[in-house]
């Protein structure tokens, strides 16, 4: 299943306010179950963000790219349909081992369920 992207600020805010979240060393994950009329009926949508605390623009983009690869690897299988996920990159994500990032996302998804 292909992952769709969250693009509008309101979609990110809705996920942040939903209360479904899990914090891991490399990332924080926020989730939102879409209601009828809020985006596509099926499918999983995902968005990525990092704050300026993570580093300069080059570093933030690198962290987002790493999170994108992790999400593509896991969310299509482990994510729930009709859900929006926001992956918030943390400072540790820039140097964290890729396998550790994968386990961070797996554990976060388990916590959210």
PDB file of N, CA and C in Angstrom:
ATOM      1  N   UNK A   1       0.853  -1.178   0.000  1.00  0.00           N
ATOM      2  CA  UNK A   1       0.000   0.000   0.000  1.00  0.00           C
ATOM      3  C   UNK A   1       0.897   1.239   0.000  1.00  0.00           C
ATOM      4  N   UNK A   2       0.626   2.128  -0.916  1.00  0.00           N
ATOM      5  CA  UNK A   2       1.418   3.356  -1.015  1.00  0.00           C
ATOM      6  C   UNK A   2       1.013   4.335   0.083  1.00  0.00           C
ATOM      7  N   UNK A   3       1.997   4.991   0.613  1.00  0.00           N
ATOM      8  CA  UNK A   3       1.735   5.992   1.645  1.00  0.00           C
ATOM      9  C   UNK A   3       1.456   7.332   0.986  1.00  0.00           C
ATOM     10  N   UNK A   4       0.438   8.002   1.457  1.00  0.00           N
ATOM     11  CA  UNK A   4       0.124   9.349   0.996  1.00  0.00           C
ATOM     12  C   UNK A   4       0.754  10.335   1.959  1.00  0.00           C
ATOM     13  N   UNK A   5       1.016  11.551   1.516  1.00  0.00           N
ATOM     14  CA  UNK A   5       1.686  12.553   2.344  1.00  0.00           C
ATOM     15  C   UNK A   5       0.698  13.553   2.923  1.00  0.00           C
ATOM     16  N   UNK A   6       0.942  13.944   4.163  1.00  0.00           N
ATOM     17  CA  UNK A   6       0.231  15.069   4.762  1.00  0.00           C
ATOM     18  C   UNK A   6       0.938  16.332   4.298  1.00  0.00           C
ATOM     19  N   UNK A   7       0.166  17.326   3.887  1.00  0.00           N
ATOM     20  CA  UNK A   7       0.799  18.532   3.355  1.00  0.00           C
ATOM     21  C   UNK A   7       0.310  19.805   4.023  1.00  0.00           C
ATOM     22  N   UNK A   8      -0.890  19.807   4.529  1.00  0.00           N
ATOM     23  CA  UNK A   8      -1.451  21.031   5.099  1.00  0.00           C
ATOM     24  C   UNK A   8      -1.210  21.096   6.603  1.00  0.00           C
ATOM     25  N   UNK A   9      -0.995  22.291   7.089  1.00  0.00           N
ATOM     26  CA  UNK A   9      -0.724  22.498   8.506  1.00  0.00           C
ATOM     27  C   UNK A   9      -1.850  21.944   9.381  1.00  0.00           C
ATOM     28  N   UNK A  10      -3.081  22.122   8.956  1.00  0.00           N
ATOM     29  CA  UNK A  10      -4.223  21.640   9.731  1.00  0.00           C
ATOM     30  C   UNK A  10      -4.204  20.143   9.951  1.00  0.00           C
ATOM     31  N   UNK A  11      -3.694  19.396   8.985  1.00  0.00           N
ATOM     32  CA  UNK A  11      -3.595  17.947   9.123  1.00  0.00           C
ATOM     33  C   UNK A  11      -2.563  17.574  10.184  1.00  0.00           C
ATOM     34  N   UNK A  12      -1.462  18.316  10.225  1.00  0.00           N
ATOM     35  CA  UNK A  12      -0.438  18.079  11.240  1.00  0.00           C
ATOM     36  C   UNK A  12      -0.970  18.439  12.632  1.00  0.00           C
ATOM     37  N   UNK A  13      -1.679  19.560  12.731  1.00  0.00           N
ATOM     38  CA  UNK A  13      -2.211  20.016  14.012  1.00  0.00           C
ATOM     39  C   UNK A  13      -3.238  19.026  14.543  1.00  0.00           C
ATOM     40  N   UNK A  14      -4.081  18.508  13.660  1.00  0.00           N
ATOM     41  CA  UNK A  14      -5.102  17.553  14.066  1.00  0.00           C
ATOM     42  C   UNK A  14      -4.463  16.301  14.661  1.00  0.00           C
ATOM     43  N   UNK A  15      -3.380  15.826  14.064  1.00  0.00           N
ATOM     44  CA  UNK A  15      -2.675  14.662  14.595  1.00  0.00           C
ATOM     45  C   UNK A  15      -2.042  14.978  15.948  1.00  0.00           C
ATOM     46  N   UNK A  16      -1.522  16.187  16.091  1.00  0.00           N
ATOM     47  CA  UNK A  16      -0.873  16.569  17.351  1.00  0.00           C
ATOM     48  C   UNK A  16      -1.882  16.668  18.488  1.00  0.00           C
ATOM     49  N   UNK A  17      -3.090  17.125  18.181  1.00  0.00           N
ATOM     50  CA  UNK A  17      -4.100  17.307  19.220  1.00  0.00           C
ATOM     51  C   UNK A  17      -4.893  16.045  19.537  1.00  0.00           C
ATOM     52  N   UNK A  18      -4.707  14.987  18.745  1.00  0.00           N
ATOM     53  CA  UNK A  18      -5.525  13.786  18.923  1.00  0.00           C
ATOM     54  C   UNK A  18      -5.231  13.054  20.221  1.00  0.00           C
ATOM     55  N   UNK A  19      -4.021  13.217  20.754  1.00  0.00           N
ATOM     56  CA  UNK A  19      -3.675  12.545  22.003  1.00  0.00           C
ATOM     57  C   UNK A  19      -3.004  11.200  21.816  1.00  0.00           C
ATOM     58  N   UNK A  20      -2.984  10.669  20.600  1.00  0.00           N
ATOM     59  CA  UNK A  20      -2.283   9.416  20.342  1.00  0.00           C
ATOM     60  C   UNK A  20      -0.848   9.736  19.976  1.00  0.00           C
ATOM     61  N   UNK A  21       0.070   9.484  20.889  1.00  0.00           N
ATOM     62  CA  UNK A  21       1.468   9.778  20.589  1.00  0.00           C
ATOM     63  C   UNK A  21       2.385   8.858  21.382  1.00  0.00           C
ATOM     64  N   UNK A  22       3.596   8.726  20.873  1.00  0.00           N
ATOM     65  CA  UNK A  22       4.622   7.930  21.546  1.00  0.00           C
ATOM     66  C   UNK A  22       5.964   8.606  21.283  1.00  0.00           C
ATOM     67  N   UNK A  23       6.787   8.692  22.310  1.00  0.00           N
ATOM     68  CA  UNK A  23       8.101   9.324  22.201  1.00  0.00           C
ATOM     69  C   UNK A  23       9.191   8.260  22.284  1.00  0.00           C
ATOM     70  N   UNK A  24      10.087   8.304  21.338  1.00  0.00           N
ATOM     71  CA  UNK A  24      11.223   7.393  21.279  1.00  0.00           C
ATOM     72  C   UNK A  24      12.489   8.236  21.167  1.00  0.00           C
ATOM     73  N   UNK A  25      13.656   7.639  21.347  1.00  0.00           N
ATOM     74  CA  UNK A  25      14.893   8.440  21.279  1.00  0.00           C
ATOM     75  C   UNK A  25      15.108   9.140  19.942  1.00  0.00           C
ATOM     76  N   UNK A  26      14.761   8.496  18.838  1.00  0.00           N
ATOM     77  CA  UNK A  26      15.020   9.087  17.530  1.00  0.00           C
ATOM     78  C   UNK A  26      13.877   9.904  16.965  1.00  0.00           C
ATOM     79  N   UNK A  27      12.674   9.677  17.478  1.00  0.00           N
ATOM     80  CA  UNK A  27      11.506  10.364  16.918  1.00  0.00           C
ATOM     81  C   UNK A  27      10.339  10.320  17.887  1.00  0.00           C
ATOM     82  N   UNK A  28       9.418  11.213  17.653  1.00  0.00           N
ATOM     83  CA  UNK A  28       8.118  11.145  18.309  1.00  0.00           C
ATOM     84  C   UNK A  28       7.109  10.847  17.210  1.00  0.00           C
ATOM     85  N   UNK A  29       6.110  10.035  17.523  1.00  0.00           N
ATOM     86  CA  UNK A  29       5.101   9.670  16.539  1.00  0.00           C
ATOM     87  C   UNK A  29       3.745  10.110  17.065  1.00  0.00           C
ATOM     88  N   UNK A  30       3.009  10.821  16.222  1.00  0.00           N
ATOM     89  CA  UNK A  30       1.653  11.254  16.547  1.00  0.00           C
ATOM     90  C   UNK A  30       0.720  10.584  15.549  1.00  0.00           C
ATOM     91  N   UNK A  31      -0.454  10.159  16.009  1.00  0.00           N
ATOM     92  CA  UNK A  31      -1.390   9.471  15.119  1.00  0.00           C
ATOM     93  C   UNK A  31      -2.780  10.059  15.277  1.00  0.00           C
ATOM     94  N   UNK A  32      -3.548   9.935  14.218  1.00  0.00           N
ATOM     95  CA  UNK A  32      -4.924  10.419  14.218  1.00  0.00           C
ATOM     96  C   UNK A  32      -5.760   9.493  13.349  1.00  0.00           C
ATOM     97  N   UNK A  33      -6.885   9.026  13.883  1.00  0.00           N
ATOM     98  CA  UNK A  33      -7.799   8.201  13.091  1.00  0.00           C
ATOM     99  C   UNK A  33      -8.774   9.128  12.385  1.00  0.00           C
ATOM    100  N   UNK A  34      -8.754   9.089  11.048  1.00  0.00           N
ATOM    101  CA  UNK A  34      -9.613   9.975  10.268  1.00  0.00           C
ATOM    102  C   UNK A  34     -11.069   9.563  10.380  1.00  0.00           C
ATOM    103  N   UNK A  35     -11.927  10.568  10.422  1.00  0.00           N
ATOM    104  CA  UNK A  35     -13.364  10.336  10.407  1.00  0.00           C
ATOM    105  C   UNK A  35     -13.861  10.445   8.974  1.00  0.00           C
ATOM    106  N   UNK A  36     -15.114  10.115   8.794  1.00  0.00           N
ATOM    107  CA  UNK A  36     -15.717  10.202   7.460  1.00  0.00           C
ATOM    108  C   UNK A  36     -15.616  11.628   6.918  1.00  0.00           C
ATOM    109  N   UNK A  37     -15.168  11.758   5.704  1.00  0.00           N
ATOM    110  CA  UNK A  37     -15.057  13.065   5.069  1.00  0.00           C
ATOM    111  C   UNK A  37     -13.730  13.769   5.296  1.00  0.00           C
ATOM    112  N   UNK A  38     -12.845  13.182   6.065  1.00  0.00           N
ATOM    113  CA  UNK A  38     -11.527  13.786   6.321  1.00  0.00           C
ATOM    114  C   UNK A  38     -10.465  13.053   5.500  1.00  0.00           C
ATOM    115  N   UNK A  39     -10.354  13.422   4.267  1.00  0.00           N
ATOM    116  CA  UNK A  39      -9.332  12.811   3.427  1.00  0.00           C
ATOM    117  C   UNK A  39      -9.813  11.513   2.814  1.00  0.00           C
ATOM    118  N   UNK A  40      -8.894  10.737   2.251  1.00  0.00           N
ATOM    119  CA  UNK A  40      -9.266   9.497   1.565  1.00  0.00           C
ATOM    120  C   UNK A  40      -9.844   8.467   2.533  1.00  0.00           C
ATOM    121  N   UNK A  41     -10.759   7.652   2.022  1.00  0.00           N
ATOM    122  CA  UNK A  41     -11.416   6.648   2.863  1.00  0.00           C
ATOM    123  C   UNK A  41     -10.417   5.589   3.308  1.00  0.00           C
ATOM    124  N   UNK A  42      -9.637   5.087   2.375  1.00  0.00           N
ATOM    125  CA  UNK A  42      -8.625   4.081   2.701  1.00  0.00           C
ATOM    126  C   UNK A  42      -7.255   4.733   2.649  1.00  0.00           C
ATOM    127  N   UNK A  43      -6.267   3.973   3.001  1.00  0.00           N
ATOM    128  CA  UNK A  43      -4.904   4.457   2.877  1.00  0.00           C
ATOM    129  C   UNK A  43      -4.363   5.041   4.165  1.00  0.00           C
ATOM    130  N   UNK A  44      -3.072   5.112   4.190  1.00  0.00           N
ATOM    131  CA  UNK A  44      -2.338   5.646   5.327  1.00  0.00           C
ATOM    132  C   UNK A  44      -1.644   6.913   4.852  1.00  0.00           C
ATOM    133  N   UNK A  45      -1.788   7.981   5.616  1.00  0.00           N
ATOM    134  CA  UNK A  45      -1.100   9.226   5.277  1.00  0.00           C
ATOM    135  C   UNK A  45      -0.032   9.481   6.332  1.00  0.00           C
ATOM    136  N   UNK A  46       1.071  10.066   5.899  1.00  0.00           N
ATOM    137  CA  UNK A  46       2.178  10.323   6.814  1.00  0.00           C
ATOM    138  C   UNK A  46       2.784  11.687   6.505  1.00  0.00           C
ATOM    139  N   UNK A  47       3.225  12.363   7.568  1.00  0.00           N
ATOM    140  CA  UNK A  47       3.896  13.644   7.451  1.00  0.00           C
ATOM    141  C   UNK A  47       5.155  13.631   8.291  1.00  0.00           C
ATOM    142  N   UNK A  48       6.081  14.514   7.957  1.00  0.00           N
ATOM    143  CA  UNK A  48       7.379  14.564   8.641  1.00  0.00           C
ATOM    144  C   UNK A  48       7.675  15.997   9.035  1.00  0.00           C
ATOM    145  N   UNK A  49       8.241  16.168  10.212  1.00  0.00           N
ATOM    146  CA  UNK A  49       8.609  17.506  10.652  1.00  0.00           C
ATOM    147  C   UNK A  49       9.806  17.420  11.597  1.00  0.00           C
ATOM    148  N   UNK A  50      10.562  18.485  11.642  1.00  0.00           N
ATOM    149  CA  UNK A  50      11.671  18.625  12.592  1.00  0.00           C
ATOM    150  C   UNK A  50      11.729  20.079  13.019  1.00  0.00           C
ATOM    151  N   UNK A  51      12.126  20.313  14.249  1.00  0.00           N
ATOM    152  CA  UNK A  51      12.228  21.694  14.711  1.00  0.00           C
ATOM    153  C   UNK A  51      13.646  22.208  14.485  1.00  0.00           C
ATOM    154  N   UNK A  52      13.811  23.497  14.651  1.00  0.00           N
ATOM    155  CA  UNK A  52      15.132  24.098  14.463  1.00  0.00           C
ATOM    156  C   UNK A  52      16.123  23.664  15.544  1.00  0.00           C
ATOM    157  N   UNK A  53      15.618  23.084  16.624  1.00  0.00           N
ATOM    158  CA  UNK A  53      16.514  22.577  17.668  1.00  0.00           C
ATOM    159  C   UNK A  53      17.380  21.434  17.149  1.00  0.00           C
ATOM    160  N   UNK A  54      16.904  20.738  16.119  1.00  0.00           N
ATOM    161  CA  UNK A  54      17.633  19.599  15.569  1.00  0.00           C
ATOM    162  C   UNK A  54      18.920  20.045  14.891  1.00  0.00           C
ATOM    163  N   UNK A  55      18.894  21.213  14.277  1.00  0.00           N
ATOM    164  CA  UNK A  55      20.098  21.713  13.616  1.00  0.00           C
ATOM    165  C   UNK A  55      19.746  22.654  12.484  1.00  0.00           C
ATOM    166  N   UNK A  56      20.715  22.895  11.621  1.00  0.00           N
ATOM    167  CA  UNK A  56      20.471  23.790  10.492  1.00  0.00           C
ATOM    168  C   UNK A  56      19.618  23.086   9.437  1.00  0.00           C
ATOM    169  N   UNK A  57      19.316  23.772   8.346  1.00  0.00           N
ATOM    170  CA  UNK A  57      18.410  23.242   7.330  1.00  0.00           C
ATOM    171  C   UNK A  57      18.924  21.936   6.722  1.00  0.00           C
ATOM    172  N   UNK A  58      20.214  21.844   6.507  1.00  0.00           N
ATOM    173  CA  UNK A  58      20.795  20.636   5.927  1.00  0.00           C
ATOM    174  C   UNK A  58      20.568  19.448   6.861  1.00  0.00           C
ATOM    175  N   UNK A  59      20.806  19.645   8.138  1.00  0.00           N
ATOM    176  CA  UNK A  59      20.634  18.581   9.122  1.00  0.00           C
ATOM    177  C   UNK A  59      19.162  18.190   9.247  1.00  0.00           C
ATOM    178  N   UNK A  60      18.274  19.179   9.294  1.00  0.00           N
ATOM    179  CA  UNK A  60      16.835  18.886   9.409  1.00  0.00           C
ATOM    180  C   UNK A  60      16.347  18.100   8.199  1.00  0.00           C
ATOM    181  N   UNK A  61      16.805  18.471   7.011  1.00  0.00           N
ATOM    182  CA  UNK A  61      16.405  17.743   5.806  1.00  0.00           C
ATOM    183  C   UNK A  61      16.931  16.317   5.810  1.00  0.00           C
ATOM    184  N   UNK A  62      18.140  16.136   6.306  1.00  0.00           N
ATOM    185  CA  UNK A  62      18.714  14.785   6.404  1.00  0.00           C
ATOM    186  C   UNK A  62      17.896  13.921   7.346  1.00  0.00           C
ATOM    187  N   UNK A  63      17.504  14.490   8.494  1.00  0.00           N
ATOM    188  CA  UNK A  63      16.683  13.750   9.458  1.00  0.00           C
ATOM    189  C   UNK A  63      15.343  13.381   8.827  1.00  0.00           C
ATOM    190  N   UNK A  64      14.712  14.324   8.121  1.00  0.00           N
ATOM    191  CA  UNK A  64      13.422  14.031   7.470  1.00  0.00           C
ATOM    192  C   UNK A  64      13.569  12.950   6.403  1.00  0.00           C
ATOM    193  N   UNK A  65      14.657  12.975   5.648  1.00  0.00           N
ATOM    194  CA  UNK A  65      14.887  11.932   4.638  1.00  0.00           C
ATOM    195  C   UNK A  65      15.020  10.563   5.290  1.00  0.00           C
ATOM    196  N   UNK A  66      15.741  10.505   6.401  1.00  0.00           N
ATOM    197  CA  UNK A  66      15.904   9.231   7.110  1.00  0.00           C
ATOM    198  C   UNK A  66      14.560   8.731   7.630  1.00  0.00           C
ATOM    199  N   UNK A  67      13.749   9.640   8.173  1.00  0.00           N
ATOM    200  CA  UNK A  67      12.420   9.252   8.670  1.00  0.00           C
ATOM    201  C   UNK A  67      11.533   8.778   7.524  1.00  0.00           C
ATOM    202  N   UNK A  68      11.665   9.410   6.366  1.00  0.00           N
ATOM    203  CA  UNK A  68      10.864   9.016   5.204  1.00  0.00           C
ATOM    204  C   UNK A  68      11.157   7.568   4.810  1.00  0.00           C
ATOM    205  N   UNK A  69      12.423   7.193   4.816  1.00  0.00           N
ATOM    206  CA  UNK A  69      12.803   5.825   4.454  1.00  0.00           C
ATOM    207  C   UNK A  69      12.274   4.835   5.499  1.00  0.00           C
ATOM    208  N   UNK A  70      12.373   5.193   6.764  1.00  0.00           N
ATOM    209  CA  UNK A  70      11.866   4.333   7.832  1.00  0.00           C
ATOM    210  C   UNK A  70      10.352   4.150   7.694  1.00  0.00           C
ATOM    211  N   UNK A  71       9.638   5.238   7.431  1.00  0.00           N
ATOM    212  CA  UNK A  71       8.182   5.170   7.288  1.00  0.00           C
ATOM    213  C   UNK A  71       7.796   4.322   6.086  1.00  0.00           C
ATOM    214  N   UNK A  72       8.489   4.500   4.970  1.00  0.00           N
ATOM    215  CA  UNK A  72       8.190   3.703   3.779  1.00  0.00           C
ATOM    216  C   UNK A  72       8.409   2.217   4.045  1.00  0.00           C
ATOM    217  N   UNK A  73       9.409   1.894   4.855  1.00  0.00           N
ATOM    218  CA  UNK A  73       9.715   0.497   5.144  1.00  0.00           C
ATOM    219  C   UNK A  73       8.683  -0.144   6.071  1.00  0.00           C
ATOM    220  N   UNK A  74       8.143   0.617   7.025  1.00  0.00           N
ATOM    221  CA  UNK A  74       7.303  -0.006   8.053  1.00  0.00           C
ATOM    222  C   UNK A  74       5.816   0.341   7.998  1.00  0.00           C
ATOM    223  N   UNK A  75       5.486   1.580   7.711  1.00  0.00           N
ATOM    224  CA  UNK A  75       4.094   2.001   7.846  1.00  0.00           C
ATOM    225  C   UNK A  75       3.156   1.326   6.857  1.00  0.00           C
ATOM    226  N   UNK A  76       3.636   0.994   5.662  1.00  0.00           N
ATOM    227  CA  UNK A  76       2.745   0.362   4.700  1.00  0.00           C
ATOM    228  C   UNK A  76       2.277  -1.006   5.199  1.00  0.00           C
ATOM    229  N   UNK A  77       3.076  -1.666   6.031  1.00  0.00           N
ATOM    230  CA  UNK A  77       2.701  -2.977   6.582  1.00  0.00           C
ATOM    231  C   UNK A  77       2.094  -2.854   7.970  1.00  0.00           C
ATOM    232  N   UNK A  78       2.684  -2.016   8.822  1.00  0.00           N
ATOM    233  CA  UNK A  78       2.290  -1.962  10.232  1.00  0.00           C
ATOM    234  C   UNK A  78       1.291  -0.865  10.561  1.00  0.00           C
ATOM    235  N   UNK A  79       1.154   0.107   9.685  1.00  0.00           N
ATOM    236  CA  UNK A  79       0.225   1.196   9.947  1.00  0.00           C
ATOM    237  C   UNK A  79      -1.213   0.760   9.728  1.00  0.00           C
ATOM    238  N   UNK A  80      -2.113   1.460  10.384  1.00  0.00           N
ATOM    239  CA  UNK A  80      -3.529   1.136  10.253  1.00  0.00           C
ATOM    240  C   UNK A  80      -4.163   1.994   9.158  1.00  0.00           C
ATOM    241  N   UNK A  81      -5.042   1.398   8.343  1.00  0.00           N
ATOM    242  CA  UNK A  81      -5.740   2.200   7.338  1.00  0.00           C
ATOM    243  C   UNK A  81      -6.597   3.267   8.012  1.00  0.00           C
ATOM    244  N   UNK A  82      -6.876   4.335   7.306  1.00  0.00           N
ATOM    245  CA  UNK A  82      -7.667   5.466   7.791  1.00  0.00           C
ATOM    246  C   UNK A  82      -6.982   6.189   8.938  1.00  0.00           C
ATOM    247  N   UNK A  83      -5.663   6.111   9.002  1.00  0.00           N
ATOM    248  CA  UNK A  83      -4.905   6.811  10.034  1.00  0.00           C
ATOM    249  C   UNK A  83      -3.910   7.775   9.393  1.00  0.00           C
ATOM    250  N   UNK A  84      -3.686   8.879  10.083  1.00  0.00           N
ATOM    251  CA  UNK A  84      -2.632   9.825   9.725  1.00  0.00           C
ATOM    252  C   UNK A  84      -1.526   9.698  10.768  1.00  0.00           C
ATOM    253  N   UNK A  85      -0.291   9.666  10.328  1.00  0.00           N
ATOM    254  CA  UNK A  85       0.854   9.600  11.231  1.00  0.00           C
ATOM    255  C   UNK A  85       1.767  10.791  10.958  1.00  0.00           C
ATOM    256  N   UNK A  86       2.258  11.398  12.030  1.00  0.00           N
ATOM    257  CA  UNK A  86       3.255  12.461  11.904  1.00  0.00           C
ATOM    258  C   UNK A  86       4.498  11.989  12.648  1.00  0.00           C
ATOM    259  N   UNK A  87       5.619  11.952  11.954  1.00  0.00           N
ATOM    260  CA  UNK A  87       6.897  11.579  12.555  1.00  0.00           C
ATOM    261  C   UNK A  87       7.684  12.853  12.798  1.00  0.00           C
ATOM    262  N   UNK A  88       7.981  13.108  14.060  1.00  0.00           N
ATOM    263  CA  UNK A  88       8.704  14.310  14.462  1.00  0.00           C
ATOM    264  C   UNK A  88      10.146  13.902  14.746  1.00  0.00           C
ATOM    265  N   UNK A  89      11.057  14.401  13.931  1.00  0.00           N
ATOM    266  CA  UNK A  89      12.464  14.048  14.082  1.00  0.00           C
ATOM    267  C   UNK A  89      13.076  14.694  15.311  1.00  0.00           C
ATOM    268  N   UNK A  90      13.879  13.940  16.021  1.00  0.00           N
ATOM    269  CA  UNK A  90      14.599  14.449  17.187  1.00  0.00           C
ATOM    270  C   UNK A  90      16.083  14.526  16.861  1.00  0.00           C
ATOM    271  N   UNK A  91      16.816  15.217  17.713  1.00  0.00           N
ATOM    272  CA  UNK A  91      18.244  15.430  17.490  1.00  0.00           C
ATOM    273  C   UNK A  91      18.998  14.105  17.354  1.00  0.00           C
ATOM    274  N   UNK A  92      18.613  13.101  18.121  1.00  0.00           N
ATOM    275  CA  UNK A  92      19.313  11.815  18.084  1.00  0.00           C
ATOM    276  C   UNK A  92      19.160  11.108  16.744  1.00  0.00           C
ATOM    277  N   UNK A  93      18.146  11.454  15.964  1.00  0.00           N
ATOM    278  CA  UNK A  93      17.884  10.760  14.701  1.00  0.00           C
ATOM    279  C   UNK A  93      18.989  10.981  13.670  1.00  0.00           C
ATOM    280  N   UNK A  94      19.717  12.086  13.771  1.00  0.00           N
ATOM    281  CA  UNK A  94      20.729  12.352  12.745  1.00  0.00           C
ATOM    282  C   UNK A  94      21.912  11.388  12.823  1.00  0.00           C
ATOM    283  N   UNK A  95      22.237  10.890  14.016  1.00  0.00           N
ATOM    284  CA  UNK A  95      23.373   9.975  14.177  1.00  0.00           C
ATOM    285  C   UNK A  95      22.951   8.566  14.565  1.00  0.00           C
ATOM    286  N   UNK A  96      21.669   8.348  14.750  1.00  0.00           N
ATOM    287  CA  UNK A  96      21.166   7.058  15.223  1.00  0.00           C
ATOM    288  C   UNK A  96      21.293   6.002  14.119  1.00  0.00           C
ATOM    289  N   UNK A  97      21.632   4.790  14.518  1.00  0.00           N
ATOM    290  CA  UNK A  97      21.736   3.682  13.590  1.00  0.00           C
ATOM    291  C   UNK A  97      20.374   3.432  12.938  1.00  0.00           C
ATOM    292  N   UNK A  98      20.386   3.061  11.665  1.00  0.00           N
ATOM    293  CA  UNK A  98      19.137   2.876  10.927  1.00  0.00           C
ATOM    294  C   UNK A  98      18.261   1.790  11.554  1.00  0.00           C
ATOM    295  N   UNK A  99      18.860   0.701  11.998  1.00  0.00           N
ATOM    296  CA  UNK A  99      18.082  -0.373  12.637  1.00  0.00           C
ATOM    297  C   UNK A  99      17.415   0.117  13.925  1.00  0.00           C
ATOM    298  N   UNK A 100      18.097   1.016  14.638  1.00  0.00           N
ATOM    299  CA  UNK A 100      17.509   1.592  15.852  1.00  0.00           C
ATOM    300  C   UNK A 100      16.318   2.487  15.510  1.00  0.00           C
ATOM    301  N   UNK A 101      16.410   3.228  14.404  1.00  0.00           N
ATOM    302  CA  UNK A 101      15.276   4.044  13.968  1.00  0.00           C
ATOM    303  C   UNK A 101      14.082   3.165  13.601  1.00  0.00           C
ATOM    304  N   UNK A 102      14.349   2.045  12.936  1.00  0.00           N
ATOM    305  CA  UNK A 102      13.271   1.112  12.601  1.00  0.00           C
ATOM    306  C   UNK A 102      12.608   0.577  13.861  1.00  0.00           C
ATOM    307  N   UNK A 103      13.415   0.198  14.856  1.00  0.00           N
ATOM    308  CA  UNK A 103      12.830  -0.326  16.101  1.00  0.00           C
ATOM    309  C   UNK A 103      12.113   0.782  16.868  1.00  0.00           C
ATOM    310  N   UNK A 104      12.590   2.030  16.776  1.00  0.00           N
ATOM    311  CA  UNK A 104      11.879   3.146  17.402  1.00  0.00           C
ATOM    312  C   UNK A 104      10.469   3.266  16.837  1.00  0.00           C
ATOM    313  N   UNK A 105      10.350   3.200  15.513  1.00  0.00           N
ATOM    314  CA  UNK A 105       9.024   3.319  14.901  1.00  0.00           C
ATOM    315  C   UNK A 105       8.148   2.119  15.245  1.00  0.00           C
ATOM    316  N   UNK A 106       8.718   0.919  15.222  1.00  0.00           N
ATOM    317  CA  UNK A 106       7.945  -0.283  15.601  1.00  0.00           C
ATOM    318  C   UNK A 106       7.401  -0.153  17.018  1.00  0.00           C
ATOM    319  N   UNK A 107       8.257   0.249  17.951  1.00  0.00           N
ATOM    320  CA  UNK A 107       7.832   0.383  19.351  1.00  0.00           C
ATOM    321  C   UNK A 107       6.801   1.497  19.512  1.00  0.00           C
ATOM    322  N   UNK A 108       6.978   2.585  18.785  1.00  0.00           N
ATOM    323  CA  UNK A 108       6.019   3.683  18.870  1.00  0.00           C
ATOM    324  C   UNK A 108       4.648   3.248  18.366  1.00  0.00           C
ATOM    325  N   UNK A 109       4.614   2.503  17.277  1.00  0.00           N
ATOM    326  CA  UNK A 109       3.330   2.015  16.751  1.00  0.00           C
ATOM    327  C   UNK A 109       2.658   1.070  17.732  1.00  0.00           C
ATOM    328  N   UNK A 110       3.449   0.235  18.403  1.00  0.00           N
ATOM    329  CA  UNK A 110       2.887  -0.660  19.439  1.00  0.00           C
ATOM    330  C   UNK A 110       2.301   0.146  20.599  1.00  0.00           C
ATOM    331  N   UNK A 111       3.003   1.185  21.003  1.00  0.00           N
ATOM    332  CA  UNK A 111       2.507   2.035  22.109  1.00  0.00           C
ATOM    333  C   UNK A 111       1.220   2.732  21.742  1.00  0.00           C
ATOM    334  N   UNK A 112       1.127   3.193  20.505  1.00  0.00           N
ATOM    335  CA  UNK A 112      -0.063   3.939  20.079  1.00  0.00           C
ATOM    336  C   UNK A 112      -1.282   3.021  20.032  1.00  0.00           C
ATOM    337  N   UNK A 113      -1.089   1.759  19.655  1.00  0.00           N
ATOM    338  CA  UNK A 113      -2.216   0.820  19.624  1.00  0.00           C
ATOM    339  C   UNK A 113      -2.699   0.599  21.029  1.00  0.00           C
TER     340      UNK A 113
END
